[in-house]
């Protein structure tokens, strides 16, 4: 049941990003929130490190990307977009020494990034008022 819920969640998130309206000659401002789903969603195992008697496991937890975006409509089919985002990735880690049972630690940690993306969006018209877009660009972290 958990797998089905994950597939439905991913489908809904993709669906929200598929459609957009053409914005020729306009400048728009918006806020965006994107969850960072753990890689376990794709059936990838945790990172396991082992050296001599020391072992460590790192697994990704749910994180998020939150920011502001400004979009400039160049033409009916092309826009330029830029903004600033705050990214927080969360992890859990467990460490142990196999030879001595006195050291067995678990903890959580996070990494924080700031992202400055610059991208071009190209729109493909699907109906009278619905467009699908594709984007390409660079991002400074």
Protein backbone atom coordinates (compact mmCIF):
# COMPACT_ATOMS: atom_id res chain seq x y z
CA UNK A 1 0.00 0.00 0.00
CA UNK A 2 2.88 2.37 0.78
CA UNK A 3 4.28 1.92 -2.76
CA UNK A 4 0.93 2.83 -4.34
CA UNK A 5 0.73 5.99 -2.20
CA UNK A 6 4.23 7.00 -3.33
CA UNK A 7 3.32 6.55 -7.02
CA UNK A 8 0.14 8.61 -6.59
CA UNK A 9 2.08 11.40 -4.80
CA UNK A 10 4.70 11.52 -7.57
CA UNK A 11 1.99 11.64 -10.26
CA UNK A 12 0.23 14.56 -8.54
CA UNK A 13 3.49 16.51 -8.15
CA UNK A 14 4.37 16.00 -11.81
CA UNK A 15 0.84 17.01 -12.82
CA UNK A 16 1.11 20.37 -11.07
CA UNK A 17 4.23 21.22 -13.09
CA UNK A 18 2.98 20.16 -16.53
CA UNK A 19 0.63 22.96 -17.48
CA UNK A 20 1.25 26.68 -17.67
CA UNK A 21 -0.18 29.70 -19.46
CA UNK A 22 1.65 31.80 -22.02
CA UNK A 23 2.98 35.07 -20.58
CA UNK A 24 4.10 37.20 -23.51
CA UNK A 25 5.25 40.66 -22.44
CA UNK A 26 4.53 40.17 -18.73
CA UNK A 27 6.70 39.87 -15.66
CA UNK A 28 5.42 37.65 -12.89
CA UNK A 29 6.58 36.88 -9.38
CA UNK A 30 5.83 33.68 -7.54
CA UNK A 31 6.76 31.48 -4.62
CA UNK A 32 7.58 27.84 -5.06
CA UNK A 33 7.84 24.87 -2.75
CA UNK A 34 9.25 21.54 -3.90
CA UNK A 35 9.61 18.52 -1.63
CA UNK A 36 12.85 16.55 -1.91
CA UNK A 37 11.73 12.95 -1.80
CA UNK A 38 14.23 10.39 -0.41
CA UNK A 39 15.97 8.27 -3.00
CA UNK A 40 14.49 5.16 -1.35
CA UNK A 41 11.41 6.06 -3.41
CA UNK A 42 13.32 4.71 -6.43
CA UNK A 43 14.33 1.49 -4.59
CA UNK A 44 17.93 2.62 -4.12
CA UNK A 45 19.66 1.34 -1.00
CA UNK A 46 21.17 3.49 1.74
CA UNK A 47 24.87 4.34 1.68
CA UNK A 48 26.70 1.69 3.72
CA UNK A 49 30.37 2.22 4.58
CA UNK A 50 32.53 -0.36 6.31
CA UNK A 51 36.23 -0.13 7.14
CA UNK A 52 37.87 -2.71 9.43
CA UNK A 53 35.58 -2.83 12.50
CA UNK A 54 33.84 0.51 11.88
CA UNK A 55 30.54 0.66 9.98
CA UNK A 56 28.33 3.59 9.05
CA UNK A 57 24.98 3.92 7.29
CA UNK A 58 23.63 7.15 5.82
CA UNK A 59 20.03 7.39 4.60
CA UNK A 60 18.21 10.33 3.08
CA UNK A 61 15.04 11.72 4.66
CA UNK A 62 12.40 14.11 3.34
CA UNK A 63 13.75 17.58 2.54
CA UNK A 64 12.47 20.67 0.77
CA UNK A 65 13.26 23.48 -1.64
CA UNK A 66 11.56 26.85 -1.04
CA UNK A 67 12.11 30.04 -2.95
CA UNK A 68 10.95 32.98 -5.01
CA UNK A 69 10.90 33.13 -8.81
CA UNK A 70 10.65 36.00 -11.30
CA UNK A 71 9.59 35.14 -14.85
CA UNK A 72 9.90 37.49 -17.84
CA UNK A 73 7.76 36.69 -20.90
CA UNK A 74 9.93 37.23 -23.98
CA UNK A 75 7.46 35.93 -26.57
CA UNK A 76 4.34 33.79 -26.68
CA UNK A 77 6.48 30.62 -26.54
CA UNK A 78 9.64 31.68 -24.63
CA UNK A 79 10.20 33.02 -21.10
CA UNK A 80 13.27 33.62 -18.95
CA UNK A 81 13.10 32.70 -15.28
CA UNK A 82 15.37 33.36 -12.31
CA UNK A 83 15.10 33.46 -8.55
CA UNK A 84 16.58 32.44 -5.24
CA UNK A 85 15.87 29.18 -3.40
CA UNK A 86 16.66 27.75 0.02
CA UNK A 87 17.33 24.00 -0.12
CA UNK A 88 17.45 21.76 2.95
CA UNK A 89 18.37 18.09 2.59
CA UNK A 90 17.92 15.88 5.65
CA UNK A 91 19.78 12.67 6.47
CA UNK A 92 20.03 10.13 9.25
CA UNK A 93 23.28 8.37 10.14
CA UNK A 94 24.20 5.44 12.33
CA UNK A 95 27.77 4.48 13.31
CA UNK A 96 29.12 1.49 15.20
CA UNK A 97 32.31 -0.33 16.12
CA UNK A 98 31.83 -4.06 15.61
CA UNK A 99 34.67 -5.21 17.83
CA UNK A 100 33.47 -3.27 20.88
CA UNK A 101 29.79 -2.90 21.63
CA UNK A 102 30.27 0.32 23.60
CA UNK A 103 30.09 2.58 20.52
CA UNK A 104 26.75 2.61 18.70
CA UNK A 105 25.53 6.10 17.77
CA UNK A 106 22.61 7.40 15.71
CA UNK A 107 21.84 10.93 14.69
CA UNK A 108 20.34 13.26 12.14
CA UNK A 109 22.02 15.98 10.12
CA UNK A 110 21.11 18.41 7.36
CA UNK A 111 22.81 20.23 4.54
CA UNK A 112 21.62 23.69 3.55
CA UNK A 113 22.19 25.20 0.11
CA UNK A 114 21.17 28.42 -1.60
CA UNK A 115 20.40 28.16 -5.29
CA UNK A 116 20.31 30.89 -7.95
CA UNK A 117 18.82 29.35 -11.13
CA UNK A 118 18.66 31.05 -14.53
CA UNK A 119 16.64 29.18 -17.12
CA UNK A 120 14.80 29.55 -20.39
CA UNK A 121 11.31 28.07 -20.68
CA UNK A 122 9.88 27.03 -24.04
CA UNK A 123 6.10 26.54 -24.25
CA UNK A 124 4.22 24.07 -26.47
CA UNK A 125 0.55 24.87 -26.99
CA UNK A 126 -1.79 21.99 -26.06
CA UNK A 127 -5.14 23.80 -26.31
CA UNK A 128 -6.46 27.35 -26.48
CA UNK A 129 -5.26 28.31 -22.97
CA UNK A 130 -3.11 25.38 -21.85
CA UNK A 131 0.60 25.10 -22.55
CA UNK A 132 3.21 22.51 -21.60
CA UNK A 133 6.71 23.77 -20.95
CA UNK A 134 10.26 22.53 -20.97
CA UNK A 135 13.16 24.37 -19.35
CA UNK A 136 16.91 24.49 -19.73
CA UNK A 137 19.47 26.57 -17.90
CA UNK A 138 22.13 26.79 -15.24
CA UNK A 139 22.10 27.03 -11.48
CA UNK A 140 24.64 28.48 -9.07
CA UNK A 141 24.67 26.78 -5.66
